[in-house]
Amino acid sequence: MMNIIRCTGILFLTALTLFGCSSSHVPVTESGEKAASGCFYGTGAGNRCPQPQETPPDLAGVPGAKVTREPFSKRGNKDYTVFGQKFQVWRNLDSYTEEGMASWYGPGFHGQKTSNGEHYNMNGFTAAHKNLPLPCFLKVTNLANGKAVIVRVNDRGPFHGSRILDLSRGAAAKIGIIGPGTGKVRVEYINPGKIANQTSEAEMNGFKPYIQVFATGDPERAREICEKVTLATGKNSRVEKSGSTYRIKVGPLTEKEATDVLAKIRDLGYKNAYFTAG
């Protein structure tokens, strides 16, 4: 049963249903660091968001893939589920860094299609990542020996333990983790700047008529944000309660207006707002 409370003309909903990749059972990163948006920094399932960089990566003399400016693929960038866990793609990304374990994959996958539809070349400089938009570029540094390589991310994974990256054999060889099989690395996002023909987030994830703005454990803050978003967008907003979590959502929206409404919400400071089905 749903309990509906009205607050200054806005519906305040108490629901038992969990929506999208955000739930009250949010996995915590090793550091347990939580972003202002209510999601946890790190790579993996659930409501994660990218840890921002303090400075852009230094690419001087780093071998590997050639960094190009290309639009994100319309394939491979939808939110997805693996082994019962929901993964959210970071489609609005300009900065990300993380340290963790990387592995590599080789002959058994050579020639097969990657998540964005390209054929995997184990001797190239590519990588698989659970949350990054495809394709994009990373600087990967082996923290044991300081060796670094640039990779183009075009696949999903790894889905083994807490590993954050799966490298092609060629990339793994460059930084010396072929023998041990895994190694602790630092990954740094390479931001190519704005792209004029960039694929919209609605195209990447398939059109979804709602936007999740924010999640919080404070009902009064949720109410305030809901009112603020309604005034800024002129669209229907609501708060959904699940357990101790309150989620502010806007919609339903038409496909024509969805991108503009998302931009207005992010202009208010909610940079991690994203499209969701309900």
Protein backbone atom coordinates (compact mmCIF):
# COMPACT_ATOMS: atom_id res chain seq x y z
CA MET A 1 0.00 0.00 0.00
CA MET A 2 1.26 3.47 -0.89
CA ASN A 3 0.96 6.39 1.52
CA ILE A 4 0.69 9.75 -0.30
CA ILE A 5 1.56 12.96 1.52
CA ARG A 6 1.18 16.33 -0.19
CA CYS A 7 3.77 19.03 0.41
CA THR A 8 3.15 22.45 -1.19
CA GLY A 9 1.42 20.92 -4.16
CA ILE A 10 4.03 18.20 -4.68
CA LEU A 11 3.31 14.53 -4.18
CA PHE A 12 5.41 12.98 -1.42
CA LEU A 13 5.26 9.20 -1.94
CA THR A 14 6.07 6.38 0.39
CA ALA A 15 6.66 3.28 -1.71
CA LEU A 16 7.95 -0.21 -1.06
CA THR A 17 9.31 -0.67 -4.57
CA LEU A 18 13.00 -0.12 -5.38
CA PHE A 19 13.77 1.65 -8.66
CA GLY A 20 16.75 1.47 -11.03
CA CYS A 21 20.27 0.82 -9.82
CA SER A 22 19.88 2.79 -6.61
CA SER A 23 18.66 0.93 -3.54
CA SER A 24 18.89 1.23 0.21
CA HIS A 25 21.43 -1.63 0.10
CA VAL A 26 24.22 0.38 -1.52
CA PRO A 27 27.58 -1.41 -1.65
CA VAL A 28 30.43 0.53 -0.05
CA THR A 29 33.84 0.98 -1.63
CA GLU A 30 36.98 -0.11 0.22
CA SER A 31 37.43 3.45 1.47
CA GLY A 32 33.73 3.76 2.31
CA GLU A 33 33.80 7.24 0.79
CA LYS A 34 30.43 8.70 -0.05
CA ALA A 35 29.86 11.50 -2.54
CA ALA A 36 27.62 14.50 -1.90
CA SER A 37 25.04 13.06 -4.31
CA GLY A 38 24.39 10.12 -1.99
CA CYS A 39 26.20 7.52 -4.12
CA PHE A 40 29.49 5.86 -3.23
CA TYR A 41 32.73 6.49 -5.08
CA GLY A 42 34.19 3.50 -6.87
CA THR A 43 33.63 0.92 -9.57
CA GLY A 44 30.96 -1.72 -9.45
CA ALA A 45 27.33 -2.52 -8.96
CA GLY A 46 24.72 -0.32 -7.38
CA ASN A 47 24.68 3.41 -6.95
CA ARG A 48 28.33 4.25 -7.61
CA CYS A 49 29.79 7.47 -8.97
CA PRO A 50 33.27 8.34 -10.24
CA GLN A 51 35.86 9.73 -7.84
CA PRO A 52 36.96 13.10 -9.35
CA GLN A 53 40.55 13.80 -10.31
CA GLU A 54 42.57 16.55 -8.66
CA THR A 55 44.61 17.12 -11.84
CA PRO A 56 44.47 15.77 -15.42
CA PRO A 57 46.75 12.78 -16.09
CA ASP A 58 50.26 13.41 -17.40
CA LEU A 59 50.45 11.61 -20.75
CA ALA A 60 53.98 12.65 -21.75
CA GLY A 61 55.86 9.62 -23.07
CA VAL A 62 53.11 7.16 -22.15
CA PRO A 63 52.74 4.40 -24.81
CA GLY A 64 49.59 2.63 -25.89
CA ALA A 65 46.42 3.67 -27.68
CA LYS A 66 46.17 6.93 -29.61
CA VAL A 67 43.68 9.22 -27.90
CA THR A 68 40.95 10.34 -30.28
CA ARG A 69 37.77 12.37 -29.94
CA GLU A 70 34.84 10.15 -30.82
CA PRO A 71 31.19 10.00 -29.73
CA PHE A 72 30.02 7.40 -27.26
CA SER A 73 28.51 4.29 -28.79
CA LYS A 74 24.75 3.76 -28.93
CA ARG A 75 25.53 0.13 -28.14
CA GLY A 76 27.00 -1.04 -24.85
CA ASN A 77 26.09 2.06 -22.85
CA LYS A 78 22.78 0.98 -21.35
CA ASP A 79 22.55 0.21 -17.65
CA TYR A 80 22.69 -3.56 -17.27
CA THR A 81 22.50 -6.52 -14.89
CA VAL A 82 25.13 -9.26 -14.41
CA PHE A 83 24.85 -12.10 -11.88
CA GLY A 84 21.82 -10.39 -10.36
CA GLN A 85 23.66 -7.10 -9.77
CA LYS A 86 22.61 -3.87 -11.49
CA PHE A 87 25.33 -1.68 -12.99
CA GLN A 88 24.94 1.99 -13.86
CA VAL A 89 26.94 3.51 -16.73
CA TRP A 90 28.55 6.89 -16.05
CA ARG A 91 27.27 8.63 -19.16
CA ASN A 92 27.91 12.15 -17.85
CA LEU A 93 31.63 11.90 -17.19
CA ASP A 94 34.42 14.45 -17.19
CA SER A 95 36.71 13.22 -14.40
CA TYR A 96 37.52 9.89 -12.74
CA THR A 97 40.39 8.20 -10.93
CA GLU A 98 40.62 5.05 -8.84
CA GLU A 99 43.15 2.60 -7.44
CA GLY A 100 42.46 -1.13 -7.33
CA MET A 101 43.24 -4.51 -8.83
CA ALA A 102 43.44 -5.02 -12.59
CA SER A 103 43.52 -8.30 -14.49
CA TRP A 104 43.87 -9.18 -18.19
CA TYR A 105 42.05 -11.34 -20.73
CA GLY A 106 43.46 -12.91 -23.86
CA PRO A 107 43.23 -15.86 -26.29
CA GLY A 108 39.84 -17.18 -25.21
CA PHE A 109 38.21 -13.87 -26.21
CA HIS A 110 40.36 -12.88 -29.20
CA GLY A 111 38.17 -12.00 -32.19
CA GLN A 112 34.93 -12.02 -30.25
CA LYS A 113 32.70 -8.94 -30.13
CA THR A 114 33.18 -6.46 -27.31
CA SER A 115 30.27 -4.76 -25.57
CA ASN A 116 30.17 -1.87 -28.05
CA GLY A 117 30.22 -4.23 -31.06
CA GLU A 118 33.89 -4.08 -32.03
CA HIS A 119 36.04 -7.19 -32.35
CA TYR A 120 38.43 -7.79 -29.46
CA ASN A 121 42.13 -7.69 -30.34
CA MET A 122 44.09 -9.17 -27.45
CA ASN A 123 47.31 -7.59 -28.77
CA GLY A 124 45.84 -4.09 -28.84
CA PHE A 125 45.65 -1.48 -26.10
CA THR A 126 42.11 -1.82 -24.84
CA ALA A 127 40.28 -2.52 -21.59
CA ALA A 128 36.98 -3.57 -20.04
CA HIS A 129 35.36 -1.50 -17.30
CA LYS A 130 32.05 -1.91 -15.50
CA ASN A 131 30.83 1.70 -15.47
CA LEU A 132 32.72 3.89 -17.95
CA PRO A 133 31.02 5.04 -21.17
CA LEU A 134 32.18 3.22 -24.29
CA PRO A 135 34.50 4.10 -25.88
CA CYS A 136 36.74 6.26 -23.73
CA PHE A 137 40.42 6.42 -22.79
CA LEU A 138 42.33 5.78 -19.57
CA LYS A 139 45.87 6.09 -18.36
CA VAL A 140 46.66 2.93 -16.37
CA THR A 141 49.70 2.84 -14.06
CA ASN A 142 51.07 -0.28 -12.39
CA LEU A 143 51.73 0.92 -8.84
CA ALA A 144 54.34 -1.80 -8.26
CA ASN A 145 56.74 -0.63 -10.99
CA GLY A 146 55.47 2.78 -12.18
CA LYS A 147 54.92 1.59 -15.76
CA ALA A 148 51.95 3.21 -17.52
CA VAL A 149 49.90 2.63 -20.68
CA ILE A 150 47.00 4.38 -22.43
CA VAL A 151 44.03 2.14 -23.18
CA ARG A 152 40.77 2.56 -25.06
CA VAL A 153 37.84 1.16 -23.07
CA ASN A 154 35.43 -0.73 -25.34
CA ASP A 155 34.16 -3.64 -23.23
CA ARG A 156 32.42 -4.52 -19.95
CA GLY A 157 33.96 -6.27 -16.96
CA PRO A 158 35.68 -7.63 -15.00
CA PHE A 159 33.00 -9.34 -12.92
CA HIS A 160 35.37 -11.23 -10.65
CA GLY A 161 35.76 -10.10 -7.05
CA SER A 162 36.62 -6.43 -6.55
CA ARG A 163 38.75 -5.98 -9.68
CA ILE A 164 38.24 -2.60 -11.32
CA LEU A 165 39.71 -3.16 -14.79
CA ASP A 166 40.38 -5.95 -17.32
CA LEU A 167 43.23 -5.17 -19.71
CA SER A 168 43.96 -6.59 -23.14
CA ARG A 169 47.04 -8.78 -23.28
CA GLY A 170 48.94 -6.06 -25.15
CA ALA A 171 48.20 -3.44 -22.49
CA ALA A 172 48.94 -5.82 -19.61
CA ALA A 173 52.32 -6.69 -21.15
CA LYS A 174 53.27 -3.00 -21.33
CA ILE A 175 52.89 -2.54 -17.59
CA GLY A 176 54.16 -5.95 -16.48
CA ILE A 177 51.16 -7.85 -15.16
CA ILE A 178 51.12 -10.77 -17.63
CA GLY A 179 53.10 -13.08 -15.32
CA PRO A 180 51.32 -12.41 -12.03
CA GLY A 181 47.95 -12.14 -13.80
CA THR A 182 46.80 -9.21 -11.69
CA GLY A 183 48.33 -6.05 -10.33
CA LYS A 184 47.34 -2.97 -8.33
CA VAL A 185 46.89 -0.03 -10.66
CA ARG A 186 45.84 3.58 -10.75
CA VAL A 187 43.36 4.44 -13.49
CA GLU A 188 42.87 8.03 -14.67
CA TYR A 189 40.24 9.19 -17.13
CA ILE A 190 41.52 11.07 -20.18
CA ASN A 191 39.03 13.84 -20.97
CA PRO A 192 39.15 14.77 -24.67
CA GLY A 193 36.88 17.80 -24.19
CA LYS A 194 33.41 18.41 -25.55
CA ILE A 195 32.45 16.67 -28.77
CA ALA A 196 30.04 18.46 -31.10
CA ASN A 197 28.29 15.29 -32.24
CA GLN A 198 28.27 13.57 -28.86
CA THR A 199 25.62 10.87 -28.44
CA SER A 200 22.91 12.02 -26.02
CA GLU A 201 22.37 10.18 -22.76
CA ALA A 202 18.81 9.34 -23.83
CA GLU A 203 20.17 7.67 -26.99
CA MET A 204 22.83 5.77 -25.05
CA ASN A 205 20.48 4.26 -22.50
CA GLY A 206 17.34 4.03 -24.60
CA PHE A 207 14.64 6.57 -23.80
CA LYS A 208 13.48 6.44 -20.19
CA PRO A 209 10.79 8.92 -19.09
CA TYR A 210 11.98 9.73 -15.54
CA ILE A 211 15.04 11.38 -14.02
CA GLN A 212 16.37 10.44 -10.61
CA VAL A 213 17.77 13.65 -9.17
CA PHE A 214 19.16 12.71 -5.79
CA ALA A 215 18.97 10.19 -2.94
CA THR A 216 19.15 11.09 0.73
CA GLY A 217 18.30 9.73 4.16
CA ASP A 218 16.84 13.07 5.26
CA PRO A 219 13.10 13.42 4.44
CA GLU A 220 13.09 17.19 4.93
CA ARG A 221 16.02 17.64 2.59
CA ALA A 222 14.27 15.43 0.05
CA ARG A 223 11.17 17.61 0.28
CA GLU A 224 13.21 20.81 -0.19
CA ILE A 225 15.03 19.40 -3.23
CA CYS A 226 11.75 18.21 -4.71
CA GLU A 227 10.26 21.70 -4.47
CA LYS A 228 13.43 23.30 -5.85
CA VAL A 229 13.51 20.98 -8.85
CA THR A 230 9.83 21.50 -9.58
CA LEU A 231 10.25 25.29 -9.62
CA ALA A 232 13.34 25.09 -11.85
CA THR A 233 11.94 22.64 -14.40
CA GLY A 234 8.19 23.20 -14.27
CA LYS A 235 7.78 19.41 -14.34
CA ASN A 236 6.09 16.99 -11.97
CA SER A 237 8.42 15.89 -9.18
CA ARG A 238 8.00 13.41 -6.37
CA VAL A 239 9.82 11.78 -3.48
CA GLU A 240 9.81 8.00 -3.15
CA LYS A 241 10.71 6.33 0.12
CA SER A 242 12.25 2.87 0.28
CA GLY A 243 13.52 1.80 3.67
CA SER A 244 15.49 4.77 4.99
CA THR A 245 16.24 6.20 1.54
CA TYR A 246 14.31 9.05 -0.11
CA ARG A 247 14.69 9.48 -3.87
CA ILE A 248 13.66 12.61 -5.76
CA LYS A 249 12.35 11.87 -9.26
CA VAL A 250 11.02 14.01 -12.11
CA GLY A 251 8.62 12.82 -14.79
CA PRO A 252 7.17 11.36 -16.80
CA LEU A 253 8.88 13.31 -19.58
CA THR A 254 8.61 13.19 -23.34
CA GLU A 255 11.67 12.18 -25.36
CA LYS A 256 11.77 15.68 -26.88
CA GLU A 257 12.03 17.49 -23.54
CA ALA A 258 14.06 14.94 -21.56
CA THR A 259 17.57 16.18 -22.43
CA ASP A 260 16.75 19.83 -21.65
CA VAL A 261 15.16 18.93 -18.31
CA LEU A 262 18.21 16.85 -17.34
CA ALA A 263 20.47 19.82 -18.19
CA LYS A 264 18.40 22.13 -15.95
CA ILE A 265 18.61 19.68 -13.07
CA ARG A 266 22.38 19.40 -13.40
CA ASP A 267 22.66 23.18 -13.54
CA LEU A 268 21.12 23.19 -10.06
CA GLY A 269 24.14 21.18 -8.87
CA TYR A 270 22.81 17.62 -9.13
CA LYS A 271 25.52 16.44 -11.52
CA ASN A 272 24.81 12.74 -11.02
CA ALA A 273 21.13 12.89 -11.99
CA TYR A 274 20.26 10.20 -14.53
CA PHE A 275 17.42 8.75 -16.60
CA THR A 276 15.43 5.86 -15.17
CA ALA A 277 12.42 3.83 -16.23
CA GLY A 278 10.22 4.66 -13.25
